[in-house]
Every structure is written in C-alpha cells, then in structure tokens.
Amino acid sequence: MDNKLLDAFPALDAATWEAIIAKELKGADPATLNVLLGEGITVAPFHVGDGTSTSAGFRRGTKRSGNPWRITLPVNATDPQGERSAARRIDGRCRWPGTSWT
C-alpha cells in the first residue's frame, strides 16, 4: 500500500517522543496519563516496539469464517428495564470512527 501522506511526517524514535511528551506535560509525570483496566492491566498512552513479547495469553488471527474482528461485552442486567436499556444503547449506536454510545 502506497500511502504518500505518511511520507510527509518524519520517523521519530522513542526518545524524541518522550521529550515531546515531557514538554507538553510541563513537568507533570507522564504516568498520570496511564489507564488502569479492570483486569489490573496498565495501558500507557505511548508505546514503542521494545522487543517485549506480548503473545503470552493472547490469541491472534481470524475465525474460520474469516471474520477478523468480534467485539463483545457481557451485559449483566438484573432487571428487564436494565436489559432493555443496554439493548437500546448497543443496537445500532456503535459508529466508526469515533465510537459513541450516545
């Protein structure tokens, strides 16, 4: 794939990105931007390919049917009104790009 737009931006190494982030945060700790997921996993807003293996515990690839993406979310509603509310929020309101649940 030939994407000429990407040619307009120089490749930046991790040290350059870290310097830009430090400047933009004006002395604040970059770790304040981290997000802690419910599973206890911390996700940083800036990632580099540091050679760390991420394959442990993860399965990659497509399903036999060829569908490469399936996003699911369990809904644990204890009352019918909650179930209806969840169904309304999910049904037809997930848009791409800029996914929104409004």
C-alpha atoms as a PDB file:
ATOM      1  CA  MET A   1       0.000   0.000   0.000  1.00  0.00           C
ATOM      2  CA  ASP A   2       1.428   3.341  -1.046  1.00  0.00           C
ATOM      3  CA  ASN A   3       0.440   6.000   1.474  1.00  0.00           C
ATOM      4  CA  LYS A   4       2.072   9.287   0.497  1.00  0.00           C
ATOM      5  CA  LEU A   5       0.583  11.091   3.487  1.00  0.00           C
ATOM      6  CA  LEU A   6       2.913   9.164   5.797  1.00  0.00           C
ATOM      7  CA  ASP A   7       5.921  10.357   3.791  1.00  0.00           C
ATOM      8  CA  ALA A   8       5.187  13.915   4.971  1.00  0.00           C
ATOM      9  CA  PHE A   9       5.964  13.008   8.589  1.00  0.00           C
ATOM     10  CA  PRO A  10       9.470  12.143   9.767  1.00  0.00           C
ATOM     11  CA  ALA A  11      10.039   8.918  11.675  1.00  0.00           C
ATOM     12  CA  LEU A  12      10.612   9.674  15.360  1.00  0.00           C
ATOM     13  CA  ASP A  13      12.359   7.410  17.826  1.00  0.00           C
ATOM     14  CA  ALA A  14      11.132   6.749  21.374  1.00  0.00           C
ATOM     15  CA  ALA A  15      13.497   9.304  22.943  1.00  0.00           C
ATOM     16  CA  THR A  16      12.163  12.072  20.689  1.00  0.00           C
ATOM     17  CA  TRP A  17       8.552  11.184  21.518  1.00  0.00           C
ATOM     18  CA  GLU A  18       9.341  11.088  25.243  1.00  0.00           C
ATOM     19  CA  ALA A  19      10.906  14.570  25.003  1.00  0.00           C
ATOM     20  CA  ILE A  20       7.808  15.905  23.216  1.00  0.00           C
ATOM     21  CA  ILE A  21       5.529  14.343  25.832  1.00  0.00           C
ATOM     22  CA  ALA A  22       7.594  15.793  28.709  1.00  0.00           C
ATOM     23  CA  LYS A  23       7.456  19.255  27.115  1.00  0.00           C
ATOM     24  CA  GLU A  24       3.688  19.089  26.558  1.00  0.00           C
ATOM     25  CA  LEU A  25       3.036  17.908  30.121  1.00  0.00           C
ATOM     26  CA  LYS A  26       5.044  20.849  31.511  1.00  0.00           C
ATOM     27  CA  GLY A  27       6.685  18.817  34.258  1.00  0.00           C
ATOM     28  CA  ALA A  28       3.753  16.541  35.102  1.00  0.00           C
ATOM     29  CA  ASP A  29       4.516  12.847  35.451  1.00  0.00           C
ATOM     30  CA  PRO A  30       3.751  11.021  32.168  1.00  0.00           C
ATOM     31  CA  ALA A  31       2.441   8.102  34.252  1.00  0.00           C
ATOM     32  CA  THR A  32      -0.597  10.252  35.093  1.00  0.00           C
ATOM     33  CA  LEU A  33      -1.805   9.509  31.551  1.00  0.00           C
ATOM     34  CA  ASN A  34      -1.808   5.750  32.142  1.00  0.00           C
ATOM     35  CA  VAL A  35      -5.148   3.951  32.280  1.00  0.00           C
ATOM     36  CA  LEU A  36      -5.734   1.053  34.683  1.00  0.00           C
ATOM     37  CA  LEU A  37      -8.081  -1.527  33.194  1.00  0.00           C
ATOM     38  CA  GLY A  38     -10.396  -3.631  35.318  1.00  0.00           C
ATOM     39  CA  GLU A  39      -8.196  -6.667  34.755  1.00  0.00           C
ATOM     40  CA  GLY A  40      -5.309  -4.927  36.526  1.00  0.00           C
ATOM     41  CA  ILE A  41      -3.512  -4.115  33.268  1.00  0.00           C
ATOM     42  CA  THR A  42      -1.969  -0.655  32.957  1.00  0.00           C
ATOM     43  CA  VAL A  43      -2.128   0.843  29.476  1.00  0.00           C
ATOM     44  CA  ALA A  44       0.247   3.673  28.688  1.00  0.00           C
ATOM     45  CA  PRO A  45      -0.741   6.230  26.037  1.00  0.00           C
ATOM     46  CA  PHE A  46       2.662   5.873  24.364  1.00  0.00           C
ATOM     47  CA  HIS A  47       4.015   2.531  23.182  1.00  0.00           C
ATOM     48  CA  VAL A  48       7.193   1.508  21.393  1.00  0.00           C
ATOM     49  CA  GLY A  49       8.339  -1.786  19.981  1.00  0.00           C
ATOM     50  CA  ASP A  50      10.852  -2.610  22.688  1.00  0.00           C
ATOM     51  CA  GLY A  51      11.173  -6.280  21.855  1.00  0.00           C
ATOM     52  CA  THR A  52       8.900  -7.359  24.700  1.00  0.00           C
ATOM     53  CA  SER A  53       6.805 -10.371  23.798  1.00  0.00           C
ATOM     54  CA  THR A  54       3.085  -9.750  24.089  1.00  0.00           C
ATOM     55  CA  SER A  55       1.948 -13.111  22.797  1.00  0.00           C
ATOM     56  CA  ALA A  56       1.578 -14.826  26.170  1.00  0.00           C
ATOM     57  CA  GLY A  57      -2.081 -15.331  26.934  1.00  0.00           C
ATOM     58  CA  PHE A  58      -3.308 -13.787  23.695  1.00  0.00           C
ATOM     59  CA  ARG A  59      -4.706 -15.493  20.627  1.00  0.00           C
ATOM     60  CA  ARG A  60      -4.356 -13.794  17.297  1.00  0.00           C
ATOM     61  CA  GLY A  61      -5.817 -14.493  13.905  1.00  0.00           C
ATOM     62  CA  THR A  62      -9.172 -14.789  12.272  1.00  0.00           C
ATOM     63  CA  LYS A  63     -12.076 -17.076  12.899  1.00  0.00           C
ATOM     64  CA  ARG A  64     -12.667 -19.932  10.495  1.00  0.00           C
ATOM     65  CA  SER A  65     -15.430 -17.899   8.914  1.00  0.00           C
ATOM     66  CA  GLY A  66     -12.886 -15.221   8.017  1.00  0.00           C
ATOM     67  CA  ASN A  67     -14.302 -12.563  10.339  1.00  0.00           C
ATOM     68  CA  PRO A  68     -11.177 -10.880  11.732  1.00  0.00           C
ATOM     69  CA  TRP A  69     -12.975  -8.830  14.423  1.00  0.00           C
ATOM     70  CA  ARG A  70     -15.540  -9.719  17.006  1.00  0.00           C
ATOM     71  CA  ILE A  71     -16.050  -7.313  19.842  1.00  0.00           C
ATOM     72  CA  THR A  72     -18.244  -8.495  22.684  1.00  0.00           C
ATOM     73  CA  LEU A  73     -19.231  -7.108  26.039  1.00  0.00           C
ATOM     74  CA  PRO A  74     -21.116  -9.028  28.703  1.00  0.00           C
ATOM     75  CA  VAL A  75     -24.223  -7.266  29.991  1.00  0.00           C
ATOM     76  CA  ASN A  76     -25.205  -8.334  33.493  1.00  0.00           C
ATOM     77  CA  ALA A  77     -28.569  -6.682  33.986  1.00  0.00           C
ATOM     78  CA  THR A  78     -30.675  -7.959  36.867  1.00  0.00           C
ATOM     79  CA  ASP A  79     -33.966  -6.436  35.792  1.00  0.00           C
ATOM     80  CA  PRO A  80     -35.887  -6.233  32.495  1.00  0.00           C
ATOM     81  CA  GLN A  81     -35.583  -2.427  32.361  1.00  0.00           C
ATOM     82  CA  GLY A  82     -31.793  -2.716  32.599  1.00  0.00           C
ATOM     83  CA  GLU A  83     -31.750  -5.271  29.807  1.00  0.00           C
ATOM     84  CA  ARG A  84     -33.854  -3.021  27.567  1.00  0.00           C
ATOM     85  CA  SER A  85     -31.649  -0.040  28.357  1.00  0.00           C
ATOM     86  CA  ALA A  86     -28.495  -1.980  27.469  1.00  0.00           C
ATOM     87  CA  ALA A  87     -30.065  -3.268  24.251  1.00  0.00           C
ATOM     88  CA  ARG A  88     -31.042   0.271  23.189  1.00  0.00           C
ATOM     89  CA  ARG A  89     -27.534   1.544  23.838  1.00  0.00           C
ATOM     90  CA  ILE A  90     -25.923  -1.255  21.854  1.00  0.00           C
ATOM     91  CA  ASP A  91     -28.392  -1.587  18.976  1.00  0.00           C
ATOM     92  CA  GLY A  92     -27.176   0.492  16.056  1.00  0.00           C
ATOM     93  CA  ARG A  93     -25.320   3.124  18.018  1.00  0.00           C
ATOM     94  CA  CYS A  94     -21.745   1.931  17.704  1.00  0.00           C
ATOM     95  CA  ARG A  95     -20.236   4.046  14.933  1.00  0.00           C
ATOM     96  CA  TRP A  96     -16.827   4.052  13.312  1.00  0.00           C
ATOM     97  CA  PRO A  97     -14.644   6.102  13.566  1.00  0.00           C
ATOM     98  CA  GLY A  98     -15.207   7.831  16.883  1.00  0.00           C
ATOM     99  CA  THR A  99     -17.282   5.102  18.505  1.00  0.00           C
ATOM    100  CA  SER A 100     -20.064   6.644  20.559  1.00  0.00           C
ATOM    101  CA  TRP A 101     -22.643   5.206  22.961  1.00  0.00           C
ATOM    102  CA  THR A 102     -24.908   8.272  22.988  1.00  0.00           C
END
